[in-house]
Structures are given as structure tokens and as C-alpha cells.
Amino acid sequence: MGFSYNDISSNSMGLKARLTSWQVCGGMRNFTTTVPGKYGVTDFGADFDFREITVACNIFPKHTFSALVKTIDEISTWLDPMQGLKQLIFDTVPDRYFMARLNDKVDCERLIRSAGSFNLKFFCPDPFAYAVIDETYNITEEGAHTVIRTKGNIKSNPIYCIQGIVTPSVNNYITITTSSKELKIVNAVLSDNETLVIDADKMTAYVEDENGIVMRNALPYLEELNFPYLDVGANTITIETSNATFTKLNIYAKSRWR
């Protein structure tokens, strides 16, 4: 088994790698409080914490100790955590990636004079794995539509890219209802060569031009911050307009696994 990090494979770096474990899910954060006179605690639910992934590595034997050191230097540059989060993909599950960086020092134990072994501890602030090749959906008409997510095993925070024409007025709007959750774009400025991008994961919205250049913040165009999510399986998306023109909705699923 091997892995790739920042589009570079462990094998090309002279490493033999294996996962020491595979987590069912990332760490949990429990929200509880103690109530005087009540046994135990009161439970307010839980969510997911960051994830750590440990990979055991061996450096292929080299002819000299200096060659071993040179390889370690190259690996250090490749995995430099100061470069921020990069895509981490394991050969055994090539359909998904984590955003990760090193989270601990790496001590290389010399097995023989020209070979060594060490563990890599990757830190994933976002505990979910995301689809390498994701599902997208294109809707070009008003009314009710069904989109089906087949990848992942937990609800996703998609990106909606909306095209149409809206002029400023409380009576001019486009509504997109995803599984009963309404997203209303009202009193907005949107022309036929612009795209309104709504990123549910980052909880933001902005308008970009035909070249993908961000023109302005679009959060004020949302009547409420009802960012959509997509369930695994069937999702009903209903589009309605009032004194506005709807042209197209592109949906990037952002499918993920817990």
C-alpha cells in the first residue's frame, strides 16, 4: 500500500507505506452539562472533531548512508507542514481524499546502515474524506427536480452556482428549496453574464463575472442564511421565481465520508 500527498506518490519518494489503522470516524465532541441533583449529565448532542491518521513508513534500502540522508531530506521537503493542508489519498481507497498536514515530529529509526523506518502522523482539521471525482448536477428549468447522491455516507455541504437575472426589489426573487429548506435570493443585483455562488461549507455567497473574478459579496442577497445540504440518495430541489429570470443552477455535491 502507498499514498499520495500533494499529487506526489510515496513510491516515487522511495517509501513503502501502510496504514496502522482505519478510523470508523474522526474524534467526537460531546456537549454536556452537569445539573445539580441529577445523576450523570444532560446531553446536548455531539459532533465530529479533527481526525488523525498514522502511516507506518520504510525507506527502501540505499547503497550508502549519505543516499539515505538525501532521501530523508527530499521527504522532509515533500511533507513540509509549513506549506499548509494538501490532499492525502491512499492507494487502497483512491476514490476519496483528506485535507491534511503533518502534526508531529518524524524520527527515523535506522534499521540497517542505509535503510530506516518512521511513522507519519497526519492532522486533518476537517475530519471528512471527500470524493476525488465528485457528482455534479445541472438544472435549467423551474419547478421540482430530483438529484441523487450516490457517493459518500453523510450529508454534504454543496456549492450552488446560479445564473439568471434579478433586479433590486423585495418583490423580485429566486427561491431554491432543497428538501424543504428554502434559500431565497431577493432584492439582489444579478445580470445575465454573472454567477451567484453559494458555498454551504464556507457559509458564504458572492457574485463572480464570466471569467470567475469575484465582483461583490452576495450574503445580503439571501433573505435568511439557510445554506443547503444534500443527503445521500434522493434530494428534491424546487426552483421558483417572481419578477426574475432563472437560467441555470449548477450543483457541486461535495460528497463526503465520515
C-alpha atoms as a PDB file:
ATOM      1  CA  MET A   1       0.000   0.000   0.000  1.00  0.00           C
ATOM      2  CA  GLY A   2       1.082   3.553  -0.579  1.00  0.00           C
ATOM      3  CA  PHE A   3      -0.323   7.061  -0.596  1.00  0.00           C
ATOM      4  CA  SER A   4      -0.033  10.306  -2.466  1.00  0.00           C
ATOM      5  CA  TYR A   5       0.368  13.698  -0.863  1.00  0.00           C
ATOM      6  CA  ASN A   6       0.126  16.919  -2.827  1.00  0.00           C
ATOM      7  CA  ASP A   7      -0.064  14.796  -6.034  1.00  0.00           C
ATOM      8  CA  ILE A   8       3.249  13.034  -5.308  1.00  0.00           C
ATOM      9  CA  SER A   9       3.231   9.296  -4.565  1.00  0.00           C
ATOM     10  CA  SER A  10       5.071   7.721  -1.641  1.00  0.00           C
ATOM     11  CA  ASN A  11       6.511   5.104  -4.002  1.00  0.00           C
ATOM     12  CA  SER A  12       8.153   7.778  -6.161  1.00  0.00           C
ATOM     13  CA  MET A  13       9.780   9.135  -2.989  1.00  0.00           C
ATOM     14  CA  GLY A  14      11.307   5.725  -2.180  1.00  0.00           C
ATOM     15  CA  LEU A  15       8.851   4.845   0.598  1.00  0.00           C
ATOM     16  CA  LYS A  16       6.971   1.675   1.458  1.00  0.00           C
ATOM     17  CA  ALA A  17       3.909   2.730   3.461  1.00  0.00           C
ATOM     18  CA  ARG A  18       0.985   1.108   5.259  1.00  0.00           C
ATOM     19  CA  LEU A  19      -1.894   2.309   7.405  1.00  0.00           C
ATOM     20  CA  THR A  20      -1.633   1.152  11.005  1.00  0.00           C
ATOM     21  CA  SER A  21      -5.416   1.562  11.485  1.00  0.00           C
ATOM     22  CA  TRP A  22      -8.540   2.911   9.807  1.00  0.00           C
ATOM     23  CA  GLN A  23     -10.897   5.008  11.895  1.00  0.00           C
ATOM     24  CA  VAL A  24     -14.620   4.374  11.680  1.00  0.00           C
ATOM     25  CA  CYS A  25     -14.976   8.135  12.095  1.00  0.00           C
ATOM     26  CA  GLY A  26     -12.980  11.032  13.484  1.00  0.00           C
ATOM     27  CA  GLY A  27     -12.928  12.046  17.125  1.00  0.00           C
ATOM     28  CA  MET A  28     -16.167  13.098  18.788  1.00  0.00           C
ATOM     29  CA  ARG A  29     -17.028  16.246  20.727  1.00  0.00           C
ATOM     30  CA  ASN A  30     -19.746  15.699  23.309  1.00  0.00           C
ATOM     31  CA  PHE A  31     -21.768  18.651  24.603  1.00  0.00           C
ATOM     32  CA  THR A  32     -22.972  18.011  28.114  1.00  0.00           C
ATOM     33  CA  THR A  33     -23.601  19.852  31.350  1.00  0.00           C
ATOM     34  CA  THR A  34     -23.971  18.844  34.963  1.00  0.00           C
ATOM     35  CA  VAL A  35     -27.333  19.539  36.612  1.00  0.00           C
ATOM     36  CA  PRO A  36     -27.349  19.626  40.435  1.00  0.00           C
ATOM     37  CA  GLY A  37     -29.467  16.826  41.847  1.00  0.00           C
ATOM     38  CA  LYS A  38     -29.445  14.844  38.588  1.00  0.00           C
ATOM     39  CA  TYR A  39     -27.377  11.717  38.079  1.00  0.00           C
ATOM     40  CA  GLY A  40     -24.916  11.736  35.194  1.00  0.00           C
ATOM     41  CA  VAL A  41     -25.025  14.655  32.804  1.00  0.00           C
ATOM     42  CA  THR A  42     -27.540  16.300  30.498  1.00  0.00           C
ATOM     43  CA  ASP A  43     -26.758  15.543  26.874  1.00  0.00           C
ATOM     44  CA  PHE A  44     -26.877  18.305  24.261  1.00  0.00           C
ATOM     45  CA  GLY A  45     -25.653  16.135  21.406  1.00  0.00           C
ATOM     46  CA  ALA A  46     -22.305  15.653  19.701  1.00  0.00           C
ATOM     47  CA  ASP A  47     -20.402  16.422  16.543  1.00  0.00           C
ATOM     48  CA  PHE A  48     -17.116  15.412  14.926  1.00  0.00           C
ATOM     49  CA  ASP A  49     -13.700  16.641  15.987  1.00  0.00           C
ATOM     50  CA  PHE A  50     -10.490  16.641  13.928  1.00  0.00           C
ATOM     51  CA  ARG A  51      -9.014  13.391  12.617  1.00  0.00           C
ATOM     52  CA  GLU A  52      -5.501  11.967  12.958  1.00  0.00           C
ATOM     53  CA  ILE A  53      -4.140   9.352  10.564  1.00  0.00           C
ATOM     54  CA  THR A  54      -0.941   7.401  11.256  1.00  0.00           C
ATOM     55  CA  VAL A  55       1.050   5.850   8.428  1.00  0.00           C
ATOM     56  CA  ALA A  56       3.990   3.485   9.034  1.00  0.00           C
ATOM     57  CA  CYS A  57       6.793   4.015   6.506  1.00  0.00           C
ATOM     58  CA  ASN A  58      10.017   2.294   5.497  1.00  0.00           C
ATOM     59  CA  ILE A  59      12.667   3.765   3.239  1.00  0.00           C
ATOM     60  CA  PHE A  60      13.854   1.380   0.553  1.00  0.00           C
ATOM     61  CA  PRO A  61      17.488   0.342   1.244  1.00  0.00           C
ATOM     62  CA  LYS A  62      20.108   2.662  -0.241  1.00  0.00           C
ATOM     63  CA  HIS A  63      23.679   1.947  -1.242  1.00  0.00           C
ATOM     64  CA  THR A  64      25.157   4.458   1.206  1.00  0.00           C
ATOM     65  CA  PHE A  65      24.192   6.314   4.357  1.00  0.00           C
ATOM     66  CA  SER A  66      24.541   9.643   2.535  1.00  0.00           C
ATOM     67  CA  ALA A  67      21.956   8.422  -0.003  1.00  0.00           C
ATOM     68  CA  LEU A  68      19.612   7.611   2.893  1.00  0.00           C
ATOM     69  CA  VAL A  69      20.043  11.120   4.318  1.00  0.00           C
ATOM     70  CA  LYS A  70      19.413  12.627   0.893  1.00  0.00           C
ATOM     71  CA  THR A  71      16.141  10.697   0.635  1.00  0.00           C
ATOM     72  CA  ILE A  72      15.082  11.871   4.102  1.00  0.00           C
ATOM     73  CA  ASP A  73      15.816  15.467   3.073  1.00  0.00           C
ATOM     74  CA  GLU A  74      13.618  15.067  -0.012  1.00  0.00           C
ATOM     75  CA  ILE A  75      10.804  13.554   2.061  1.00  0.00           C
ATOM     76  CA  SER A  76      11.079  16.428   4.540  1.00  0.00           C
ATOM     77  CA  THR A  77      10.645  18.939   1.728  1.00  0.00           C
ATOM     78  CA  TRP A  78       7.737  16.982   0.223  1.00  0.00           C
ATOM     79  CA  LEU A  79       5.830  16.780   3.522  1.00  0.00           C
ATOM     80  CA  ASP A  80       6.700  20.262   4.824  1.00  0.00           C
ATOM     81  CA  PRO A  81       3.753  21.181   7.123  1.00  0.00           C
ATOM     82  CA  MET A  82       4.525  24.879   6.687  1.00  0.00           C
ATOM     83  CA  GLN A  83       3.012  24.599   3.195  1.00  0.00           C
ATOM     84  CA  GLY A  84      -0.435  24.090   4.735  1.00  0.00           C
ATOM     85  CA  LEU A  85      -3.072  21.468   4.055  1.00  0.00           C
ATOM     86  CA  LYS A  86      -2.694  19.250   0.977  1.00  0.00           C
ATOM     87  CA  GLN A  87      -4.672  16.374  -0.495  1.00  0.00           C
ATOM     88  CA  LEU A  88      -3.870  12.986   1.073  1.00  0.00           C
ATOM     89  CA  ILE A  89      -5.042   9.932  -0.914  1.00  0.00           C
ATOM     90  CA  PHE A  90      -4.445   6.284  -0.001  1.00  0.00           C
ATOM     91  CA  ASP A  91      -3.940   3.688  -2.733  1.00  0.00           C
ATOM     92  CA  THR A  92      -6.435   1.318  -1.118  1.00  0.00           C
ATOM     93  CA  VAL A  93      -9.250   3.919  -1.183  1.00  0.00           C
ATOM     94  CA  PRO A  94      -8.399   6.038  -4.242  1.00  0.00           C
ATOM     95  CA  ASP A  95     -11.910   7.492  -4.586  1.00  0.00           C
ATOM     96  CA  ARG A  96     -11.530   9.920  -1.673  1.00  0.00           C
ATOM     97  CA  TYR A  97      -9.081  12.416  -0.214  1.00  0.00           C
ATOM     98  CA  PHE A  98      -8.395  14.093   3.118  1.00  0.00           C
ATOM     99  CA  MET A  99      -7.020  17.604   3.567  1.00  0.00           C
ATOM    100  CA  ALA A 100      -4.046  17.015   5.833  1.00  0.00           C
ATOM    101  CA  ARG A 101      -0.615  18.072   7.059  1.00  0.00           C
ATOM    102  CA  LEU A 102       1.966  16.597   9.417  1.00  0.00           C
ATOM    103  CA  ASN A 103       1.178  17.082  13.078  1.00  0.00           C
ATOM    104  CA  ASP A 104       4.233  15.736  14.885  1.00  0.00           C
ATOM    105  CA  LYS A 105       7.984  15.344  14.581  1.00  0.00           C
ATOM    106  CA  VAL A 106       9.288  12.451  12.492  1.00  0.00           C
ATOM    107  CA  ASP A 107      12.087  10.353  13.970  1.00  0.00           C
ATOM    108  CA  CYS A 108      13.704   7.962  11.505  1.00  0.00           C
ATOM    109  CA  GLU A 109      14.980   4.749  13.102  1.00  0.00           C
ATOM    110  CA  ARG A 110      17.884   3.175  11.264  1.00  0.00           C
ATOM    111  CA  LEU A 111      17.136  -0.494  10.585  1.00  0.00           C
ATOM    112  CA  ILE A 112      20.430  -1.058   8.854  1.00  0.00           C
ATOM    113  CA  ARG A 113      23.102   1.395   7.807  1.00  0.00           C
ATOM    114  CA  SER A 114      21.272   2.500   4.658  1.00  0.00           C
ATOM    115  CA  ALA A 115      17.576   1.965   5.482  1.00  0.00           C
ATOM    116  CA  GLY A 116      15.150   3.364   8.044  1.00  0.00           C
ATOM    117  CA  SER A 117      11.583   3.399   9.311  1.00  0.00           C
ATOM    118  CA  PHE A 118       9.304   6.025  10.844  1.00  0.00           C
ATOM    119  CA  ASN A 119       5.661   6.922  11.442  1.00  0.00           C
ATOM    120  CA  LEU A 120       3.894   9.858   9.832  1.00  0.00           C
ATOM    121  CA  LYS A 121       1.075  11.420  11.834  1.00  0.00           C
ATOM    122  CA  PHE A 122      -1.265  13.420   9.614  1.00  0.00           C
ATOM    123  CA  PHE A 123      -3.604  16.031  11.078  1.00  0.00           C
ATOM    124  CA  CYS A 124      -6.955  16.636   9.350  1.00  0.00           C
ATOM    125  CA  PRO A 125      -8.811  19.638  10.828  1.00  0.00           C
ATOM    126  CA  ASP A 126     -11.774  18.648   8.658  1.00  0.00           C
ATOM    127  CA  PRO A 127     -12.442  15.020   9.680  1.00  0.00           C
ATOM    128  CA  PHE A 128     -14.266  14.058   6.485  1.00  0.00           C
ATOM    129  CA  ALA A 129     -12.938  12.455   3.310  1.00  0.00           C
ATOM    130  CA  TYR A 130     -14.120  13.997   0.022  1.00  0.00           C
ATOM    131  CA  ALA A 131     -14.753  12.474  -3.393  1.00  0.00           C
ATOM    132  CA  VAL A 132     -11.828  12.781  -5.801  1.00  0.00           C
ATOM    133  CA  ILE A 133     -14.232  12.647  -8.747  1.00  0.00           C
ATOM    134  CA  ASP A 134     -17.466  14.157  -7.493  1.00  0.00           C
ATOM    135  CA  GLU A 135     -21.040  14.292  -8.692  1.00  0.00           C
ATOM    136  CA  THR A 136     -22.443  17.423 -10.297  1.00  0.00           C
ATOM    137  CA  TYR A 137     -25.974  18.305 -11.358  1.00  0.00           C
ATOM    138  CA  ASN A 138     -27.292  20.833 -13.877  1.00  0.00           C
ATOM    139  CA  ILE A 139     -30.810  22.255 -13.677  1.00  0.00           C
ATOM    140  CA  THR A 140     -32.075  24.589 -16.408  1.00  0.00           C
ATOM    141  CA  GLU A 141     -35.820  24.822 -15.717  1.00  0.00           C
ATOM    142  CA  GLU A 142     -38.039  25.995 -12.896  1.00  0.00           C
ATOM    143  CA  GLY A 143     -40.137  23.521 -10.936  1.00  0.00           C
ATOM    144  CA  ALA A 144     -39.336  20.388  -8.931  1.00  0.00           C
ATOM    145  CA  HIS A 145     -36.322  18.230  -9.746  1.00  0.00           C
ATOM    146  CA  THR A 146     -34.733  15.169  -8.147  1.00  0.00           C
ATOM    147  CA  VAL A 147     -30.956  14.804  -7.797  1.00  0.00           C
ATOM    148  CA  ILE A 148     -29.462  11.588  -6.457  1.00  0.00           C
ATOM    149  CA  ARG A 149     -26.222  11.412  -4.500  1.00  0.00           C
ATOM    150  CA  THR A 150     -24.556   8.021  -4.748  1.00  0.00           C
ATOM    151  CA  LYS A 151     -21.180   8.839  -3.203  1.00  0.00           C
ATOM    152  CA  GLY A 152     -20.316   9.298   0.460  1.00  0.00           C
ATOM    153  CA  ASN A 153     -22.170   8.292   3.625  1.00  0.00           C
ATOM    154  CA  ILE A 154     -23.041  11.600   5.312  1.00  0.00           C
ATOM    155  CA  LYS A 155     -24.879  14.728   4.211  1.00  0.00           C
ATOM    156  CA  SER A 156     -22.765  17.152   2.201  1.00  0.00           C
ATOM    157  CA  ASN A 157     -22.464  20.928   2.025  1.00  0.00           C
ATOM    158  CA  PRO A 158     -22.710  21.647  -1.707  1.00  0.00           C
ATOM    159  CA  ILE A 159     -21.763  24.621  -3.840  1.00  0.00           C
ATOM    160  CA  TYR A 160     -24.641  26.188  -5.795  1.00  0.00           C
ATOM    161  CA  CYS A 161     -23.827  28.280  -8.881  1.00  0.00           C
ATOM    162  CA  ILE A 162     -26.893  30.234 -10.008  1.00  0.00           C
ATOM    163  CA  GLN A 163     -27.320  32.140 -13.257  1.00  0.00           C
ATOM    164  CA  GLY A 164     -30.206  34.419 -14.138  1.00  0.00           C
ATOM    165  CA  ILE A 165     -31.381  37.999 -13.911  1.00  0.00           C
ATOM    166  CA  VAL A 166     -32.575  39.658 -10.708  1.00  0.00           C
ATOM    167  CA  THR A 167     -33.096  43.382 -10.097  1.00  0.00           C
ATOM    168  CA  PRO A 168     -33.337  45.155  -6.737  1.00  0.00           C
ATOM    169  CA  SER A 169     -36.830  44.870  -5.234  1.00  0.00           C
ATOM    170  CA  VAL A 170     -38.406  42.962  -2.374  1.00  0.00           C
ATOM    171  CA  ASN A 171     -40.846  41.531  -4.930  1.00  0.00           C
ATOM    172  CA  ASN A 172     -38.107  40.180  -7.222  1.00  0.00           C
ATOM    173  CA  TYR A 173     -36.634  36.885  -6.162  1.00  0.00           C
ATOM    174  CA  ILE A 174     -35.477  33.363  -6.970  1.00  0.00           C
ATOM    175  CA  THR A 175     -36.104  30.651  -4.403  1.00  0.00           C
ATOM    176  CA  ILE A 176     -34.335  27.290  -4.342  1.00  0.00           C
ATOM    177  CA  THR A 177     -35.843  24.808  -1.919  1.00  0.00           C
ATOM    178  CA  THR A 178     -33.698  21.764  -1.170  1.00  0.00           C
ATOM    179  CA  SER A 179     -35.540  19.031   0.729  1.00  0.00           C
ATOM    180  CA  SER A 180     -37.860  21.597   2.396  1.00  0.00           C
ATOM    181  CA  LYS A 181     -35.018  24.036   3.211  1.00  0.00           C
ATOM    182  CA  GLU A 182     -35.668  27.321   1.388  1.00  0.00           C
ATOM    183  CA  LEU A 183     -32.923  29.552   0.056  1.00  0.00           C
ATOM    184  CA  LYS A 184     -34.390  32.882  -1.123  1.00  0.00           C
ATOM    185  CA  ILE A 185     -32.394  35.320  -3.258  1.00  0.00           C
ATOM    186  CA  VAL A 186     -34.199  38.640  -3.047  1.00  0.00           C
ATOM    187  CA  ASN A 187     -33.566  42.343  -3.649  1.00  0.00           C
ATOM    188  CA  ALA A 188     -30.415  41.315  -5.494  1.00  0.00           C
ATOM    189  CA  VAL A 189     -28.334  42.545  -8.420  1.00  0.00           C
ATOM    190  CA  LEU A 190     -27.569  39.727 -10.837  1.00  0.00           C
ATOM    191  CA  SER A 191     -27.071  40.175 -14.589  1.00  0.00           C
ATOM    192  CA  ASP A 192     -27.038  37.611 -17.372  1.00  0.00           C
ATOM    193  CA  ASN A 193     -23.229  37.382 -17.531  1.00  0.00           C
ATOM    194  CA  GLU A 194     -22.751  36.876 -13.785  1.00  0.00           C
ATOM    195  CA  THR A 195     -22.952  33.856 -11.483  1.00  0.00           C
ATOM    196  CA  LEU A 196     -24.132  33.843  -7.884  1.00  0.00           C
ATOM    197  CA  VAL A 197     -22.050  31.300  -5.962  1.00  0.00           C
ATOM    198  CA  ILE A 198     -23.340  29.942  -2.663  1.00  0.00           C
ATOM    199  CA  ASP A 199     -20.823  27.827  -0.747  1.00  0.00           C
ATOM    200  CA  ALA A 200     -22.654  25.948   2.007  1.00  0.00           C
ATOM    201  CA  ASP A 201     -19.466  24.610   3.604  1.00  0.00           C
ATOM    202  CA  LYS A 202     -17.842  28.042   3.963  1.00  0.00           C
ATOM    203  CA  MET A 203     -21.238  29.661   4.657  1.00  0.00           C
ATOM    204  CA  THR A 204     -20.616  32.418   2.174  1.00  0.00           C
ATOM    205  CA  ALA A 205     -22.029  33.823  -1.059  1.00  0.00           C
ATOM    206  CA  TYR A 206     -20.558  36.032  -3.755  1.00  0.00           C
ATOM    207  CA  VAL A 207     -21.107  37.122  -7.357  1.00  0.00           C
ATOM    208  CA  GLU A 208     -18.447  36.411  -9.961  1.00  0.00           C
ATOM    209  CA  ASP A 209     -18.186  37.505 -13.588  1.00  0.00           C
ATOM    210  CA  GLU A 210     -17.897  35.296 -16.663  1.00  0.00           C
ATOM    211  CA  ASN A 211     -14.137  34.972 -16.069  1.00  0.00           C
ATOM    212  CA  GLY A 212     -14.578  33.722 -12.485  1.00  0.00           C
ATOM    213  CA  ILE A 213     -13.453  37.003 -10.906  1.00  0.00           C
ATOM    214  CA  VAL A 214     -15.318  37.821  -7.690  1.00  0.00           C
ATOM    215  CA  MET A 215     -17.254  41.063  -8.100  1.00  0.00           C
ATOM    216  CA  ARG A 216     -19.056  41.527  -4.780  1.00  0.00           C
ATOM    217  CA  ASN A 217     -20.329  39.945  -1.600  1.00  0.00           C
ATOM    218  CA  ALA A 218     -23.763  38.347  -2.020  1.00  0.00           C
ATOM    219  CA  LEU A 219     -24.682  37.452   1.552  1.00  0.00           C
ATOM    220  CA  PRO A 220     -27.035  40.490   1.716  1.00  0.00           C
ATOM    221  CA  TYR A 221     -28.973  38.930  -1.171  1.00  0.00           C
ATOM    222  CA  LEU A 222     -30.010  35.959   0.979  1.00  0.00           C
ATOM    223  CA  GLU A 223     -33.197  36.598   2.919  1.00  0.00           C
ATOM    224  CA  GLU A 224     -32.062  34.049   5.515  1.00  0.00           C
ATOM    225  CA  LEU A 225     -28.819  32.142   5.895  1.00  0.00           C
ATOM    226  CA  ASN A 226     -30.436  28.806   5.049  1.00  0.00           C
ATOM    227  CA  PHE A 227     -27.478  27.113   3.423  1.00  0.00           C
ATOM    228  CA  PRO A 228     -28.491  23.892   1.661  1.00  0.00           C
ATOM    229  CA  TYR A 229     -27.243  20.359   2.240  1.00  0.00           C
ATOM    230  CA  LEU A 230     -27.597  17.192   0.198  1.00  0.00           C
ATOM    231  CA  ASP A 231     -28.475  13.825   1.704  1.00  0.00           C
ATOM    232  CA  VAL A 232     -27.144  10.549   0.368  1.00  0.00           C
ATOM    233  CA  GLY A 233     -29.811   9.284  -2.021  1.00  0.00           C
ATOM    234  CA  ALA A 234     -32.655  11.335  -3.485  1.00  0.00           C
ATOM    235  CA  ASN A 235     -32.963  15.090  -2.910  1.00  0.00           C
ATOM    236  CA  THR A 236     -35.851  17.224  -4.181  1.00  0.00           C
ATOM    237  CA  ILE A 237     -34.887  20.667  -5.448  1.00  0.00           C
ATOM    238  CA  THR A 238     -37.653  23.129  -6.316  1.00  0.00           C
ATOM    239  CA  ILE A 239     -36.971  26.405  -8.116  1.00  0.00           C
ATOM    240  CA  GLU A 240     -39.465  29.289  -8.219  1.00  0.00           C
ATOM    241  CA  THR A 241     -39.192  32.907  -9.383  1.00  0.00           C
ATOM    242  CA  SER A 242     -41.051  36.175  -9.046  1.00  0.00           C
ATOM    243  CA  ASN A 243     -40.262  39.052 -11.431  1.00  0.00           C
ATOM    244  CA  ALA A 244     -36.880  37.416 -12.096  1.00  0.00           C
ATOM    245  CA  THR A 245     -35.332  35.163 -14.721  1.00  0.00           C
ATOM    246  CA  PHE A 246     -33.806  31.794 -13.842  1.00  0.00           C
ATOM    247  CA  THR A 247     -31.309  30.422 -16.372  1.00  0.00           C
ATOM    248  CA  LYS A 248     -29.278  27.656 -14.780  1.00  0.00           C
ATOM    249  CA  LEU A 249     -28.277  26.039 -11.487  1.00  0.00           C
ATOM    250  CA  ASN A 250     -25.052  24.024 -11.316  1.00  0.00           C
ATOM    251  CA  ILE A 251     -24.622  21.967  -8.152  1.00  0.00           C
ATOM    252  CA  TYR A 252     -21.289  20.582  -6.958  1.00  0.00           C
ATOM    253  CA  ALA A 253     -22.181  17.902  -4.433  1.00  0.00           C
ATOM    254  CA  LYS A 254     -19.011  17.995  -2.261  1.00  0.00           C
ATOM    255  CA  SER A 255     -19.733  14.325  -1.429  1.00  0.00           C
ATOM    256  CA  ARG A 256     -18.001  13.113   1.711  1.00  0.00           C
ATOM    257  CA  TRP A 257     -17.468  10.184   4.056  1.00  0.00           C
ATOM    258  CA  ARG A 258     -17.410  10.310   7.836  1.00  0.00           C
END
